[in-house]
Amino acid sequence: MAVQDVASGKKSNVKKNIATAYSKKLSGQGYSYVMKMKYSDFQFYIKPGKKVVVCFGPYGALGAHGKVVVEIKGKL
């Protein structure tokens, strides 16, 4: 199961939704970083209330230190 299987919306828009949420939370430059990622690279978990939480590691994009998580709408 990959993130596009549990996130709401069209499969083609899931990565855009993640990139938009990431760029709003951390940096606008993060949008292109996320768009270059493969769907299999995303680590996520599902929260109650139809939320999908996408996690970026402690040394993520653009020199972010510490864990960064973004929430998007889910199907489940």
PDB file of N, CA and C in Angstrom:
ATOM      1  N   MET A   1       0.843  -1.156   0.000  1.00  0.00           N
ATOM      2  CA  MET A   1       0.000   0.000   0.000  1.00  0.00           C
ATOM      3  C   MET A   1       0.904   1.240   0.000  1.00  0.00           C
ATOM      4  N   ALA A   2       0.584   2.164  -0.864  1.00  0.00           N
ATOM      5  CA  ALA A   2       1.354   3.402  -0.969  1.00  0.00           C
ATOM      6  C   ALA A   2       0.460   4.589  -0.632  1.00  0.00           C
ATOM      7  N   VAL A   3       1.070   5.739  -0.478  1.00  0.00           N
ATOM      8  CA  VAL A   3       0.337   6.923  -0.051  1.00  0.00           C
ATOM      9  C   VAL A   3      -0.791   7.285  -1.012  1.00  0.00           C
ATOM     10  N   GLN A   4      -0.610   7.070  -2.299  1.00  0.00           N
ATOM     11  CA  GLN A   4      -1.669   7.416  -3.261  1.00  0.00           C
ATOM     12  C   GLN A   4      -2.879   6.493  -3.128  1.00  0.00           C
ATOM     13  N   ASP A   5      -2.724   5.363  -2.451  1.00  0.00           N
ATOM     14  CA  ASP A   5      -3.840   4.438  -2.238  1.00  0.00           C
ATOM     15  C   ASP A   5      -4.750   4.865  -1.087  1.00  0.00           C
ATOM     16  N   VAL A   6      -4.230   5.659  -0.161  1.00  0.00           N
ATOM     17  CA  VAL A   6      -5.012   6.049   1.012  1.00  0.00           C
ATOM     18  C   VAL A   6      -5.374   7.531   1.042  1.00  0.00           C
ATOM     19  N   ALA A   7      -4.738   8.339   0.210  1.00  0.00           N
ATOM     20  CA  ALA A   7      -5.026   9.777   0.180  1.00  0.00           C
ATOM     21  C   ALA A   7      -6.229  10.044  -0.716  1.00  0.00           C
ATOM     22  N   SER A   8      -7.004  11.056  -0.356  1.00  0.00           N
ATOM     23  CA  SER A   8      -8.183  11.383  -1.159  1.00  0.00           C
ATOM     24  C   SER A   8      -7.770  12.158  -2.405  1.00  0.00           C
ATOM     25  N   GLY A   9      -8.653  12.162  -3.369  1.00  0.00           N
ATOM     26  CA  GLY A   9      -8.390  12.878  -4.609  1.00  0.00           C
ATOM     27  C   GLY A   9      -7.829  11.969  -5.682  1.00  0.00           C
ATOM     28  N   LYS A  10      -7.577  12.567  -6.830  1.00  0.00           N
ATOM     29  CA  LYS A  10      -7.019  11.820  -7.951  1.00  0.00           C
ATOM     30  C   LYS A  10      -5.595  11.377  -7.626  1.00  0.00           C
ATOM     31  N   LYS A  11      -5.254  10.228  -8.128  1.00  0.00           N
ATOM     32  CA  LYS A  11      -3.919   9.683  -7.903  1.00  0.00           C
ATOM     33  C   LYS A  11      -2.839  10.653  -8.382  1.00  0.00           C
ATOM     34  N   SER A  12      -3.116  11.328  -9.487  1.00  0.00           N
ATOM     35  CA  SER A  12      -2.136  12.250 -10.054  1.00  0.00           C
ATOM     36  C   SER A  12      -1.951  13.515  -9.218  1.00  0.00           C
ATOM     37  N   ASN A  13      -2.908  13.830  -8.323  1.00  0.00           N
ATOM     38  CA  ASN A  13      -2.823  15.042  -7.511  1.00  0.00           C
ATOM     39  C   ASN A  13      -2.277  14.812  -6.111  1.00  0.00           C
ATOM     40  N   VAL A  14      -2.081  13.583  -5.715  1.00  0.00           N
ATOM     41  CA  VAL A  14      -1.645  13.289  -4.347  1.00  0.00           C
ATOM     42  C   VAL A  14      -0.292  13.924  -4.058  1.00  0.00           C
ATOM     43  N   LYS A  15       0.654  13.757  -4.956  1.00  0.00           N
ATOM     44  CA  LYS A  15       1.984  14.316  -4.737  1.00  0.00           C
ATOM     45  C   LYS A  15       1.926  15.850  -4.682  1.00  0.00           C
ATOM     46  N   LYS A  16       1.070  16.455  -5.489  1.00  0.00           N
ATOM     47  CA  LYS A  16       0.897  17.910  -5.466  1.00  0.00           C
ATOM     48  C   LYS A  16       0.345  18.369  -4.120  1.00  0.00           C
ATOM     49  N   ASN A  17      -0.605  17.615  -3.572  1.00  0.00           N
ATOM     50  CA  ASN A  17      -1.179  17.952  -2.273  1.00  0.00           C
ATOM     51  C   ASN A  17      -0.133  17.871  -1.164  1.00  0.00           C
ATOM     52  N   ILE A  18       0.708  16.849  -1.216  1.00  0.00           N
ATOM     53  CA  ILE A  18       1.771  16.700  -0.227  1.00  0.00           C
ATOM     54  C   ILE A  18       2.779  17.839  -0.371  1.00  0.00           C
ATOM     55  N   ALA A  19       3.166  18.133  -1.594  1.00  0.00           N
ATOM     56  CA  ALA A  19       4.146  19.196  -1.846  1.00  0.00           C
ATOM     57  C   ALA A  19       3.625  20.554  -1.395  1.00  0.00           C
ATOM     58  N   THR A  20       2.351  20.815  -1.638  1.00  0.00           N
ATOM     59  CA  THR A  20       1.759  22.084  -1.220  1.00  0.00           C
ATOM     60  C   THR A  20       1.741  22.205   0.298  1.00  0.00           C
ATOM     61  N   ALA A  21       1.336  21.144   0.981  1.00  0.00           N
ATOM     62  CA  ALA A  21       1.305  21.153   2.448  1.00  0.00           C
ATOM     63  C   ALA A  21       2.711  21.314   3.017  1.00  0.00           C
ATOM     64  N   TYR A  22       3.685  20.647   2.414  1.00  0.00           N
ATOM     65  CA  TYR A  22       5.073  20.732   2.869  1.00  0.00           C
ATOM     66  C   TYR A  22       5.620  22.145   2.680  1.00  0.00           C
ATOM     67  N   SER A  23       5.348  22.728   1.521  1.00  0.00           N
ATOM     68  CA  SER A  23       5.883  24.061   1.245  1.00  0.00           C
ATOM     69  C   SER A  23       5.250  25.123   2.141  1.00  0.00           C
ATOM     70  N   LYS A  24       3.989  24.930   2.515  1.00  0.00           N
ATOM     71  CA  LYS A  24       3.343  25.880   3.435  1.00  0.00           C
ATOM     72  C   LYS A  24       3.913  25.756   4.842  1.00  0.00           C
ATOM     73  N   LYS A  25       4.251  24.547   5.224  1.00  0.00           N
ATOM     74  CA  LYS A  25       4.726  24.313   6.593  1.00  0.00           C
ATOM     75  C   LYS A  25       6.196  24.676   6.766  1.00  0.00           C
ATOM     76  N   LEU A  26       7.011  24.366   5.776  1.00  0.00           N
ATOM     77  CA  LEU A  26       8.449  24.518   5.957  1.00  0.00           C
ATOM     78  C   LEU A  26       9.043  25.611   5.073  1.00  0.00           C
ATOM     79  N   SER A  27       8.910  25.445   3.777  1.00  0.00           N
ATOM     80  CA  SER A  27       9.525  26.384   2.851  1.00  0.00           C
ATOM     81  C   SER A  27       8.926  26.212   1.466  1.00  0.00           C
ATOM     82  N   GLY A  28       8.722  27.311   0.782  1.00  0.00           N
ATOM     83  CA  GLY A  28       8.196  27.261  -0.576  1.00  0.00           C
ATOM     84  C   GLY A  28       9.099  26.496  -1.521  1.00  0.00           C
ATOM     85  N   GLN A  29      10.378  26.460  -1.220  1.00  0.00           N
ATOM     86  CA  GLN A  29      11.324  25.732  -2.058  1.00  0.00           C
ATOM     87  C   GLN A  29      11.163  24.227  -1.926  1.00  0.00           C
ATOM     88  N   GLY A  30      10.482  23.783  -0.885  1.00  0.00           N
ATOM     89  CA  GLY A  30      10.274  22.360  -0.659  1.00  0.00           C
ATOM     90  C   GLY A  30       9.329  21.727  -1.656  1.00  0.00           C
ATOM     91  N   TYR A  31       8.539  22.542  -2.351  1.00  0.00           N
ATOM     92  CA  TYR A  31       7.583  22.014  -3.327  1.00  0.00           C
ATOM     93  C   TYR A  31       8.293  21.187  -4.389  1.00  0.00           C
ATOM     94  N   SER A  32       9.335  21.726  -4.980  1.00  0.00           N
ATOM     95  CA  SER A  32      10.035  20.997  -6.049  1.00  0.00           C
ATOM     96  C   SER A  32      10.744  19.756  -5.508  1.00  0.00           C
ATOM     97  N   TYR A  33      11.243  19.826  -4.272  1.00  0.00           N
ATOM     98  CA  TYR A  33      11.884  18.664  -3.656  1.00  0.00           C
ATOM     99  C   TYR A  33      10.901  17.501  -3.550  1.00  0.00           C
ATOM    100  N   VAL A  34       9.700  17.787  -3.057  1.00  0.00           N
ATOM    101  CA  VAL A  34       8.695  16.741  -2.873  1.00  0.00           C
ATOM    102  C   VAL A  34       8.217  16.213  -4.221  1.00  0.00           C
ATOM    103  N   MET A  35       8.058  17.077  -5.197  1.00  0.00           N
ATOM    104  CA  MET A  35       7.587  16.651  -6.512  1.00  0.00           C
ATOM    105  C   MET A  35       8.571  15.701  -7.194  1.00  0.00           C
ATOM    106  N   LYS A  36       9.839  15.773  -6.841  1.00  0.00           N
ATOM    107  CA  LYS A  36      10.853  14.893  -7.425  1.00  0.00           C
ATOM    108  C   LYS A  36      10.888  13.516  -6.769  1.00  0.00           C
ATOM    109  N   MET A  37      10.231  13.378  -5.614  1.00  0.00           N
ATOM    110  CA  MET A  37      10.231  12.105  -4.904  1.00  0.00           C
ATOM    111  C   MET A  37       9.350  11.079  -5.600  1.00  0.00           C
ATOM    112  N   LYS A  38       9.688   9.813  -5.422  1.00  0.00           N
ATOM    113  CA  LYS A  38       8.851   8.718  -5.918  1.00  0.00           C
ATOM    114  C   LYS A  38       7.775   8.435  -4.879  1.00  0.00           C
ATOM    115  N   TYR A  39       6.636   7.929  -5.320  1.00  0.00           N
ATOM    116  CA  TYR A  39       5.566   7.597  -4.381  1.00  0.00           C
ATOM    117  C   TYR A  39       6.036   6.584  -3.340  1.00  0.00           C
ATOM    118  N   SER A  40       6.913   5.690  -3.732  1.00  0.00           N
ATOM    119  CA  SER A  40       7.396   4.669  -2.802  1.00  0.00           C
ATOM    120  C   SER A  40       8.308   5.244  -1.716  1.00  0.00           C
ATOM    121  N   ASP A  41       8.794   6.473  -1.898  1.00  0.00           N
ATOM    122  CA  ASP A  41       9.677   7.093  -0.908  1.00  0.00           C
ATOM    123  C   ASP A  41       8.932   7.724   0.262  1.00  0.00           C
ATOM    124  N   PHE A  42       7.629   7.953   0.106  1.00  0.00           N
ATOM    125  CA  PHE A  42       6.866   8.612   1.156  1.00  0.00           C
ATOM    126  C   PHE A  42       6.583   7.648   2.308  1.00  0.00           C
ATOM    127  N   GLN A  43       6.865   8.103   3.518  1.00  0.00           N
ATOM    128  CA  GLN A  43       6.520   7.347   4.711  1.00  0.00           C
ATOM    129  C   GLN A  43       5.304   8.025   5.313  1.00  0.00           C
ATOM    130  N   PHE A  44       4.311   7.236   5.699  1.00  0.00           N
ATOM    131  CA  PHE A  44       3.064   7.818   6.163  1.00  0.00           C
ATOM    132  C   PHE A  44       2.378   6.889   7.143  1.00  0.00           C
ATOM    133  N   TYR A  45       1.393   7.440   7.837  1.00  0.00           N
ATOM    134  CA  TYR A  45       0.475   6.630   8.640  1.00  0.00           C
ATOM    135  C   TYR A  45      -0.897   7.268   8.561  1.00  0.00           C
ATOM    136  N   ILE A  46      -1.890   6.509   8.954  1.00  0.00           N
ATOM    137  CA  ILE A  46      -3.277   6.948   8.855  1.00  0.00           C
ATOM    138  C   ILE A  46      -3.796   7.267  10.256  1.00  0.00           C
ATOM    139  N   LYS A  47      -4.445   8.420  10.386  1.00  0.00           N
ATOM    140  CA  LYS A  47      -5.066   8.829  11.652  1.00  0.00           C
ATOM    141  C   LYS A  47      -6.573   8.740  11.514  1.00  0.00           C
ATOM    142  N   PRO A  48      -7.261   8.565  12.631  1.00  0.00           N
ATOM    143  CA  PRO A  48      -8.731   8.599  12.575  1.00  0.00           C
ATOM    144  C   PRO A  48      -9.208   9.957  12.051  1.00  0.00           C
ATOM    145  N   GLY A  49     -10.363   9.947  11.432  1.00  0.00           N
ATOM    146  CA  GLY A  49     -10.908  11.189  10.899  1.00  0.00           C
ATOM    147  C   GLY A  49     -10.467  11.456   9.476  1.00  0.00           C
ATOM    148  N   LYS A  50     -10.118  10.392   8.771  1.00  0.00           N
ATOM    149  CA  LYS A  50      -9.706  10.495   7.369  1.00  0.00           C
ATOM    150  C   LYS A  50      -8.521  11.440   7.167  1.00  0.00           C
ATOM    151  N   LYS A  51      -7.474  11.232   7.949  1.00  0.00           N
ATOM    152  CA  LYS A  51      -6.248  12.001   7.826  1.00  0.00           C
ATOM    153  C   LYS A  51      -5.094  11.071   7.503  1.00  0.00           C
ATOM    154  N   VAL A  52      -4.251  11.499   6.584  1.00  0.00           N
ATOM    155  CA  VAL A  52      -3.027  10.783   6.257  1.00  0.00           C
ATOM    156  C   VAL A  52      -1.876  11.702   6.660  1.00  0.00           C
ATOM    157  N   VAL A  53      -0.981  11.195   7.480  1.00  0.00           N
ATOM    158  CA  VAL A  53       0.158  11.967   7.957  1.00  0.00           C
ATOM    159  C   VAL A  53       1.393  11.478   7.210  1.00  0.00           C
ATOM    160  N   VAL A  54       2.017  12.377   6.475  1.00  0.00           N
ATOM    161  CA  VAL A  54       3.219  12.064   5.706  1.00  0.00           C
ATOM    162  C   VAL A  54       4.414  12.573   6.503  1.00  0.00           C
ATOM    163  N   CYS A  55       5.392  11.691   6.710  1.00  0.00           N
ATOM    164  CA  CYS A  55       6.541  12.010   7.560  1.00  0.00           C
ATOM    165  C   CYS A  55       7.795  12.190   6.713  1.00  0.00           C
ATOM    166  N   PHE A  56       8.562  13.200   7.078  1.00  0.00           N
ATOM    167  CA  PHE A  56       9.864  13.431   6.468  1.00  0.00           C
ATOM    168  C   PHE A  56      10.894  13.310   7.572  1.00  0.00           C
ATOM    169  N   GLY A  57      11.994  12.640   7.279  1.00  0.00           N
ATOM    170  CA  GLY A  57      12.989  12.286   8.277  1.00  0.00           C
ATOM    171  C   GLY A  57      13.641  13.451   8.989  1.00  0.00           C
ATOM    172  N   PRO A  58      14.475  13.124   9.970  1.00  0.00           N
ATOM    173  CA  PRO A  58      15.094  14.159  10.792  1.00  0.00           C
ATOM    174  C   PRO A  58      16.030  15.074  10.009  1.00  0.00           C
ATOM    175  N   TYR A  59      16.547  14.612   8.906  1.00  0.00           N
ATOM    176  CA  TYR A  59      17.405  15.456   8.074  1.00  0.00           C
ATOM    177  C   TYR A  59      16.780  15.538   6.694  1.00  0.00           C
ATOM    178  N   GLY A  60      15.672  16.200   6.639  1.00  0.00           N
ATOM    179  CA  GLY A  60      14.879  16.278   5.417  1.00  0.00           C
ATOM    180  C   GLY A  60      15.355  17.343   4.462  1.00  0.00           C
ATOM    181  N   ALA A  61      14.465  17.711   3.609  1.00  0.00           N
ATOM    182  CA  ALA A  61      14.745  18.653   2.539  1.00  0.00           C
ATOM    183  C   ALA A  61      15.170  20.015   3.078  1.00  0.00           C
ATOM    184  N   LEU A  62      16.011  20.656   2.333  1.00  0.00           N
ATOM    185  CA  LEU A  62      16.407  22.037   2.582  1.00  0.00           C
ATOM    186  C   LEU A  62      17.022  22.247   3.954  1.00  0.00           C
ATOM    187  N   GLY A  63      17.729  21.255   4.446  1.00  0.00           N
ATOM    188  CA  GLY A  63      18.420  21.380   5.718  1.00  0.00           C
ATOM    189  C   GLY A  63      17.522  21.390   6.935  1.00  0.00           C
ATOM    190  N   ALA A  64      16.310  20.896   6.793  1.00  0.00           N
ATOM    191  CA  ALA A  64      15.394  20.856   7.933  1.00  0.00           C
ATOM    192  C   ALA A  64      15.922  19.868   8.956  1.00  0.00           C
ATOM    193  N   HIS A  65      16.071  20.325  10.157  1.00  0.00           N
ATOM    194  CA  HIS A  65      16.550  19.454  11.222  1.00  0.00           C
ATOM    195  C   HIS A  65      15.385  19.183  12.150  1.00  0.00           C
ATOM    196  N   GLY A  66      15.136  17.936  12.369  1.00  0.00           N
ATOM    197  CA  GLY A  66      13.977  17.542  13.160  1.00  0.00           C
ATOM    198  C   GLY A  66      12.919  16.952  12.246  1.00  0.00           C
ATOM    199  N   LYS A  67      12.064  16.223  12.849  1.00  0.00           N
ATOM    200  CA  LYS A  67      11.009  15.527  12.106  1.00  0.00           C
ATOM    201  C   LYS A  67       9.980  16.536  11.592  1.00  0.00           C
ATOM    202  N   VAL A  68       9.612  16.416  10.329  1.00  0.00           N
ATOM    203  CA  VAL A  68       8.582  17.264   9.733  1.00  0.00           C
ATOM    204  C   VAL A  68       7.461  16.365   9.272  1.00  0.00           C
ATOM    205  N   VAL A  69       6.233  16.678   9.673  1.00  0.00           N
ATOM    206  CA  VAL A  69       5.072  15.912   9.249  1.00  0.00           C
ATOM    207  C   VAL A  69       4.041  16.872   8.660  1.00  0.00           C
ATOM    208  N   VAL A  70       3.335  16.381   7.649  1.00  0.00           N
ATOM    209  CA  VAL A  70       2.238  17.157   7.065  1.00  0.00           C
ATOM    210  C   VAL A  70       1.022  16.251   6.987  1.00  0.00           C
ATOM    211  N   GLU A  71      -0.163  16.842   7.147  1.00  0.00           N
ATOM    212  CA  GLU A  71      -1.409  16.089   7.074  1.00  0.00           C
ATOM    213  C   GLU A  71      -2.146  16.435   5.793  1.00  0.00           C
ATOM    214  N   ILE A  72      -2.690  15.396   5.152  1.00  0.00           N
ATOM    215  CA  ILE A  72      -3.539  15.594   3.992  1.00  0.00           C
ATOM    216  C   ILE A  72      -4.807  14.767   4.214  1.00  0.00           C
ATOM    217  N   LYS A  73      -5.812  15.031   3.410  1.00  0.00           N
ATOM    218  CA  LYS A  73      -7.078  14.290   3.530  1.00  0.00           C
ATOM    219  C   LYS A  73      -6.898  12.868   3.042  1.00  0.00           C
ATOM    220  N   GLY A  74      -7.553  11.940   3.728  1.00  0.00           N
ATOM    221  CA  GLY A  74      -7.487  10.541   3.361  1.00  0.00           C
ATOM    222  C   GLY A  74      -8.830   9.979   2.944  1.00  0.00           C
ATOM    223  N   LYS A  75      -8.805   8.767   2.437  1.00  0.00           N
ATOM    224  CA  LYS A  75     -10.022   8.069   2.019  1.00  0.00           C
ATOM    225  C   LYS A  75     -10.624   7.249   3.145  1.00  0.00           C
ATOM    226  N   LEU A  76      -9.778   6.771   4.041  1.00  0.00           N
ATOM    227  CA  LEU A  76     -10.223   5.825   5.062  1.00  0.00           C
ATOM    228  C   LEU A  76     -10.626   6.504   6.349  1.00  0.00           C
TER     229      LEU A  76
END
